[in-house]
C-alpha atoms as a PDB file:
ATOM      1  CA  MET A   1     -14.260 -17.912  22.641  1.00  0.00           C
ATOM      2  CA  ARG A   2     -15.327 -14.980  20.461  1.00  0.00           C
ATOM      3  CA  SER A   3     -13.431 -15.882  17.518  1.00  0.00           C
ATOM      4  CA  LEU A   4     -15.270 -19.926  17.724  1.00  0.00           C
ATOM      5  CA  LEU A   5     -18.798 -18.238  17.922  1.00  0.00           C
ATOM      6  CA  LYS A   6     -18.290 -16.126  14.837  1.00  0.00           C
ATOM      7  CA  ARG A   7     -17.416 -18.984  13.255  1.00  0.00           C
ATOM      8  CA  GLY A   8     -20.683 -20.646  14.339  1.00  0.00           C
ATOM      9  CA  TYR A   9     -19.625 -23.259  16.659  1.00  0.00           C
ATOM     10  CA  ALA A  10     -21.400 -23.817  19.741  1.00  0.00           C
ATOM     11  CA  THR A  11     -19.464 -23.130  22.679  1.00  0.00           C
ATOM     12  CA  GLU A  12     -19.531 -23.243  26.057  1.00  0.00           C
ATOM     13  CA  VAL A  13     -16.762 -22.865  28.638  1.00  0.00           C
ATOM     14  CA  ILE A  14     -17.005 -24.731  32.307  1.00  0.00           C
ATOM     15  CA  ALA A  15     -14.949 -23.427  35.086  1.00  0.00           C
ATOM     16  CA  PRO A  16     -12.550 -26.034  36.385  1.00  0.00           C
ATOM     17  CA  SER A  17     -13.762 -26.040  40.468  1.00  0.00           C
ATOM     18  CA  HIS A  18     -17.379 -26.523  38.610  1.00  0.00           C
ATOM     19  CA  THR A  19     -16.207 -30.009  37.570  1.00  0.00           C
ATOM     20  CA  PRO A  20     -17.128 -32.858  39.378  1.00  0.00           C
ATOM     21  CA  ARG A  21     -14.256 -35.136  39.854  1.00  0.00           C
ATOM     22  CA  ARG A  22     -13.805 -38.003  42.472  1.00  0.00           C
ATOM     23  CA  PRO A  23     -10.524 -37.359  44.741  1.00  0.00           C
ATOM     24  CA  ALA A  24      -8.731 -40.497  42.859  1.00  0.00           C
ATOM     25  CA  ASP A  25      -9.442 -39.363  39.623  1.00  0.00           C
ATOM     26  CA  ARG A  26      -6.081 -37.942  37.900  1.00  0.00           C
ATOM     27  CA  ILE A  27      -6.230 -37.781  34.153  1.00  0.00           C
ATOM     28  CA  LYS A  28      -3.140 -36.335  32.787  1.00  0.00           C
ATOM     29  CA  THR A  29      -4.293 -37.266  29.001  1.00  0.00           C
ATOM     30  CA  ASP A  30      -6.129 -34.680  26.663  1.00  0.00           C
ATOM     31  CA  ARG A  31      -7.821 -37.480  25.173  1.00  0.00           C
ATOM     32  CA  ARG A  32      -9.167 -39.615  27.940  1.00  0.00           C
ATOM     33  CA  ASP A  33     -10.332 -35.578  29.845  1.00  0.00           C
ATOM     34  CA  ALA A  34     -11.587 -34.709  26.767  1.00  0.00           C
ATOM     35  CA  LEU A  35     -13.544 -38.042  27.073  1.00  0.00           C
ATOM     36  CA  LEU A  36     -14.391 -37.417  30.386  1.00  0.00           C
ATOM     37  CA  LEU A  37     -15.538 -33.742  29.819  1.00  0.00           C
ATOM     38  CA  ALA A  38     -17.862 -35.536  26.543  1.00  0.00           C
ATOM     39  CA  ARG A  39     -19.133 -38.028  29.161  1.00  0.00           C
ATOM     40  CA  LEU A  40     -19.981 -35.029  31.514  1.00  0.00           C
ATOM     41  CA  HIS A  41     -21.694 -32.458  28.953  1.00  0.00           C
ATOM     42  CA  ARG A  42     -24.246 -34.934  27.640  1.00  0.00           C
ATOM     43  CA  SER A  43     -25.320 -35.731  31.221  1.00  0.00           C
ATOM     44  CA  GLY A  44     -25.780 -32.403  31.598  1.00  0.00           C
ATOM     45  CA  ASP A  45     -22.875 -32.526  35.075  1.00  0.00           C
ATOM     46  CA  LEU A  46     -21.267 -29.455  33.868  1.00  0.00           C
ATOM     47  CA  THR A  47     -22.192 -25.498  34.580  1.00  0.00           C
ATOM     48  CA  PRO A  48     -21.387 -23.213  32.218  1.00  0.00           C
ATOM     49  CA  ILE A  49     -20.180 -19.840  33.279  1.00  0.00           C
ATOM     50  CA  VAL A  50     -20.886 -16.493  31.252  1.00  0.00           C
ATOM     51  CA  ILE A  51     -18.300 -15.121  29.195  1.00  0.00           C
ATOM     52  CA  PRO A  52     -18.341 -11.131  29.629  1.00  0.00           C
ATOM     53  CA  ASP A  53     -19.048  -9.646  26.242  1.00  0.00           C
ATOM     54  CA  PRO A  54     -17.100  -6.490  25.094  1.00  0.00           C
ATOM     55  CA  LYS A  55     -18.618  -4.022  26.716  1.00  0.00           C
ATOM     56  CA  ASP A  56     -18.427  -5.988  30.187  1.00  0.00           C
ATOM     57  CA  GLU A  57     -14.398  -5.711  30.373  1.00  0.00           C
ATOM     58  CA  ALA A  58     -14.519  -2.115  28.647  1.00  0.00           C
ATOM     59  CA  VAL A  59     -16.084  -0.713  31.762  1.00  0.00           C
ATOM     60  CA  ARG A  60     -14.212  -3.505  33.975  1.00  0.00           C
ATOM     61  CA  ASP A  61     -10.876  -1.640  32.200  1.00  0.00           C
ATOM     62  CA  LEU A  62     -12.650   1.902  32.993  1.00  0.00           C
ATOM     63  CA  VAL A  63     -12.402   1.137  36.763  1.00  0.00           C
ATOM     64  CA  ARG A  64      -9.428  -0.399  36.899  1.00  0.00           C
ATOM     65  CA  THR A  65      -8.348   2.504  35.595  1.00  0.00           C
ATOM     66  CA  ARG A  66      -9.860   5.115  37.592  1.00  0.00           C
ATOM     67  CA  GLU A  67      -8.547   2.539  40.799  1.00  0.00           C
ATOM     68  CA  ASP A  68      -5.132   3.025  39.261  1.00  0.00           C
ATOM     69  CA  ALA A  69      -5.887   6.956  39.285  1.00  0.00           C
ATOM     70  CA  MET A  70      -6.710   6.717  43.019  1.00  0.00           C
ATOM     71  CA  HIS A  71      -3.541   4.616  43.664  1.00  0.00           C
ATOM     72  CA  ASP A  72      -1.067   7.545  41.640  1.00  0.00           C
ATOM     73  CA  ARG A  73      -3.036  10.461  43.689  1.00  0.00           C
ATOM     74  CA  GLN A  74      -2.339   8.847  46.872  1.00  0.00           C
ATOM     75  CA  ARG A  75       1.520   8.356  46.312  1.00  0.00           C
ATOM     76  CA  ALA A  76       1.186  12.269  44.830  1.00  0.00           C
ATOM     77  CA  ARG A  77      -0.342  13.415  48.032  1.00  0.00           C
ATOM     78  CA  LEU A  78       1.673  11.331  50.105  1.00  0.00           C
ATOM     79  CA  ARG A  79       5.055  12.687  47.988  1.00  0.00           C
ATOM     80  CA  LEU A  80       3.718  16.298  48.934  1.00  0.00           C
ATOM     81  CA  ARG A  81       3.543  15.446  52.015  1.00  0.00           C
ATOM     82  CA  SER A  82       6.591  13.927  52.815  1.00  0.00           C
ATOM     83  CA  PHE A  83       8.361  17.044  51.037  1.00  0.00           C
ATOM     84  CA  LEU A  84       6.553  19.580  52.988  1.00  0.00           C
ATOM     85  CA  LEU A  85       7.504  17.369  56.500  1.00  0.00           C
ATOM     86  CA  ARG A  86      11.401  17.562  55.247  1.00  0.00           C
ATOM     87  CA  GLN A  87      10.760  21.494  55.257  1.00  0.00           C
ATOM     88  CA  GLY A  88       9.249  21.729  58.774  1.00  0.00           C
ATOM     89  CA  HIS A  89       5.966  22.432  57.225  1.00  0.00           C
ATOM     90  CA  SER A  90       2.963  20.025  59.258  1.00  0.00           C
ATOM     91  CA  TYR A  91      -0.637  20.063  58.803  1.00  0.00           C
ATOM     92  CA  THR A  92      -2.621  18.749  61.941  1.00  0.00           C
ATOM     93  CA  GLY A  93      -6.289  19.174  60.510  1.00  0.00           C
ATOM     94  CA  ARG A  94      -8.065  17.355  57.978  1.00  0.00           C
ATOM     95  CA  ARG A  95      -6.093  17.117  55.311  1.00  0.00           C
ATOM     96  CA  TRP A  96      -7.150  17.594  51.225  1.00  0.00           C
ATOM     97  CA  GLY A  97     -10.137  19.516  52.126  1.00  0.00           C
ATOM     98  CA  PRO A  98     -10.937  23.409  51.941  1.00  0.00           C
ATOM     99  CA  ALA A  99      -8.830  24.221  55.146  1.00  0.00           C
ATOM    100  CA  HIS A 100      -5.790  21.996  53.646  1.00  0.00           C
ATOM    101  CA  GLN A 101      -5.901  23.640  50.196  1.00  0.00           C
ATOM    102  CA  LEU A 102      -5.737  27.278  52.549  1.00  0.00           C
ATOM    103  CA  PHE A 103      -2.614  26.187  54.145  1.00  0.00           C
ATOM    104  CA  LEU A 104      -1.132  25.159  51.096  1.00  0.00           C
ATOM    105  CA  SER A 105      -1.536  28.419  49.424  1.00  0.00           C
ATOM    106  CA  LYS A 106      -0.006  30.484  52.164  1.00  0.00           C
ATOM    107  CA  ILE A 107       2.872  28.122  52.266  1.00  0.00           C
ATOM    108  CA  LYS A 108       6.311  30.052  50.832  1.00  0.00           C
ATOM    109  CA  PHE A 109      10.152  28.993  50.458  1.00  0.00           C
ATOM    110  CA  GLU A 110      12.894  31.115  50.363  1.00  0.00           C
ATOM    111  CA  ASP A 111      14.366  28.909  47.765  1.00  0.00           C
ATOM    112  CA  SER A 112      13.283  29.203  44.260  1.00  0.00           C
ATOM    113  CA  ALA A 113      14.311  25.167  43.794  1.00  0.00           C
ATOM    114  CA  HIS A 114      12.155  24.581  47.109  1.00  0.00           C
ATOM    115  CA  HIS A 115       8.945  26.536  45.618  1.00  0.00           C
ATOM    116  CA  ILE A 116       9.766  24.698  42.152  1.00  0.00           C
ATOM    117  CA  ALA A 117       9.770  21.348  43.757  1.00  0.00           C
ATOM    118  CA  PHE A 118       6.541  22.054  45.991  1.00  0.00           C
ATOM    119  CA  THR A 119       4.394  23.602  43.144  1.00  0.00           C
ATOM    120  CA  GLU A 120       5.734  20.387  41.512  1.00  0.00           C
ATOM    121  CA  TYR A 121       4.002  18.186  44.058  1.00  0.00           C
ATOM    122  CA  ARG A 122       0.655  20.245  44.298  1.00  0.00           C
ATOM    123  CA  LEU A 123       0.384  20.124  40.598  1.00  0.00           C
ATOM    124  CA  ALA A 124       0.819  16.155  40.628  1.00  0.00           C
ATOM    125  CA  VAL A 125      -1.850  15.868  43.524  1.00  0.00           C
ATOM    126  CA  HIS A 126      -4.487  18.060  41.480  1.00  0.00           C
ATOM    127  CA  PHE A 127      -3.721  16.621  37.664  1.00  0.00           C
ATOM    128  CA  ARG A 128      -4.513  13.286  39.732  1.00  0.00           C
ATOM    129  CA  THR A 129      -7.731  14.494  40.758  1.00  0.00           C
ATOM    130  CA  GLU A 130      -9.111  15.662  37.913  1.00  0.00           C
ATOM    131  CA  CYS A 131      -8.058  12.305  36.108  1.00  0.00           C
ATOM    132  CA  ILE A 132     -10.111  10.464  38.470  1.00  0.00           C
ATOM    133  CA  GLU A 133     -12.982  12.932  38.495  1.00  0.00           C
ATOM    134  CA  ARG A 134     -12.884  12.918  34.530  1.00  0.00           C
ATOM    135  CA  LEU A 135     -12.518   9.043  34.855  1.00  0.00           C
ATOM    136  CA  GLU A 136     -15.211   8.621  37.299  1.00  0.00           C
ATOM    137  CA  SER A 137     -17.493  10.813  34.786  1.00  0.00           C
ATOM    138  CA  ALA A 138     -16.564   8.753  31.385  1.00  0.00           C
ATOM    139  CA  LEU A 139     -17.796   5.243  33.868  1.00  0.00           C
ATOM    140  CA  ARG A 140     -21.303   7.565  34.439  1.00  0.00           C
ATOM    141  CA  ALA A 141     -21.754   7.737  31.098  1.00  0.00           C
ATOM    142  CA  GLU A 142     -20.612   4.260  30.461  1.00  0.00           C
ATOM    143  CA  VAL A 143     -22.903   2.653  32.739  1.00  0.00           C
ATOM    144  CA  GLN A 144     -26.501   4.401  31.447  1.00  0.00           C
ATOM    145  CA  SER A 145     -25.989   2.297  28.221  1.00  0.00           C
ATOM    146  CA  TRP A 146     -24.538  -1.243  30.125  1.00  0.00           C
ATOM    147  CA  ARG A 147     -26.890  -4.339  30.090  1.00  0.00           C
ATOM    148  CA  SER A 148     -25.726  -4.673  33.876  1.00  0.00           C
ATOM    149  CA  LEU A 149     -27.272  -0.753  35.091  1.00  0.00           C
ATOM    150  CA  PRO A 150     -30.077  -2.786  36.753  1.00  0.00           C
ATOM    151  CA  VAL A 151     -27.675  -4.962  38.840  1.00  0.00           C
ATOM    152  CA  ILE A 152     -26.208  -1.368  39.762  1.00  0.00           C
ATOM    153  CA  LYS A 153     -29.289  -0.031  40.657  1.00  0.00           C
ATOM    154  CA  ALA A 154     -30.137  -3.185  42.521  1.00  0.00           C
ATOM    155  CA  LEU A 155     -26.953  -2.899  44.787  1.00  0.00           C
ATOM    156  CA  MET A 156     -27.041   0.936  45.254  1.00  0.00           C
ATOM    157  CA  THR A 157     -30.656   0.151  47.318  1.00  0.00           C
ATOM    158  CA  LEU A 158     -28.338  -1.433  49.969  1.00  0.00           C
ATOM    159  CA  ARG A 159     -26.706   0.826  52.942  1.00  0.00           C
ATOM    160  CA  ALA A 160     -23.367   2.151  52.001  1.00  0.00           C
ATOM    161  CA  ILE A 161     -23.170   0.759  48.398  1.00  0.00           C
ATOM    162  CA  ASP A 162     -22.962   3.674  46.046  1.00  0.00           C
ATOM    163  CA  PHE A 163     -22.568   4.274  42.618  1.00  0.00           C
ATOM    164  CA  LEU A 164     -18.953   3.447  42.521  1.00  0.00           C
ATOM    165  CA  SER A 165     -18.264   0.731  44.736  1.00  0.00           C
ATOM    166  CA  ALA A 166     -21.921  -1.269  42.911  1.00  0.00           C
ATOM    167  CA  THR A 167     -20.116  -0.359  39.674  1.00  0.00           C
ATOM    168  CA  THR A 168     -16.997  -1.874  40.807  1.00  0.00           C
ATOM    169  CA  ILE A 169     -18.418  -5.217  42.609  1.00  0.00           C
ATOM    170  CA  VAL A 170     -20.358  -6.160  38.994  1.00  0.00           C
ATOM    171  CA  ALA A 171     -17.243  -5.054  36.852  1.00  0.00           C
ATOM    172  CA  GLU A 172     -14.775  -7.470  38.961  1.00  0.00           C
ATOM    173  CA  LEU A 173     -17.281  -9.877  39.807  1.00  0.00           C
ATOM    174  CA  GLY A 174     -19.567 -10.204  36.876  1.00  0.00           C
ATOM    175  CA  ASP A 175     -22.625 -12.341  36.862  1.00  0.00           C
ATOM    176  CA  LEU A 176     -23.304 -12.209  40.319  1.00  0.00           C
ATOM    177  CA  ARG A 177     -25.499 -15.390  40.025  1.00  0.00           C
ATOM    178  CA  ARG A 178     -21.864 -17.813  40.179  1.00  0.00           C
ATOM    179  CA  VAL A 179     -20.686 -16.312  43.891  1.00  0.00           C
ATOM    180  CA  SER A 180     -24.340 -17.378  45.613  1.00  0.00           C
ATOM    181  CA  ALA A 181     -24.670 -19.930  47.723  1.00  0.00           C
ATOM    182  CA  SER A 182     -24.923 -23.497  46.584  1.00  0.00           C
ATOM    183  CA  PRO A 183     -27.747 -25.384  48.144  1.00  0.00           C
END
């Protein structure tokens, strides 16, 4: 698509689901399909979709990278918790807050191998948490120059939608007009 636009061709992308077809109309040849599309285009019956620009795709990739890092952190936390349960250390309060960190800092192991494993599990959780913080900071910086910033700010006016939720919605859905209710 972008290569055609660079060469000067007028190009539109039409979603197959937005192409009007009769139920019995099963054209399987490229020639007949092309003629039908040309006729529909000339009559104005086709609705083009918005193609994301490179910045849209970059922000979407950054959002997805953050989501991956959050999943990785969750797995790292689960591994640490499983290790502690195997060693007989269970925590009953709210996990991953200051009280839980204090609980973790007081755990000692007699065997050095257990201590090394425990340290590595804690470092993995810490590394993933720092990664998420770096990605969120980068996301906040990138969005400031993004064309969809007004839409993000508008979504943030809704109850329970914060910056990251609004950014994820806009990055994943793209042009919100395409998901609006049809008349």
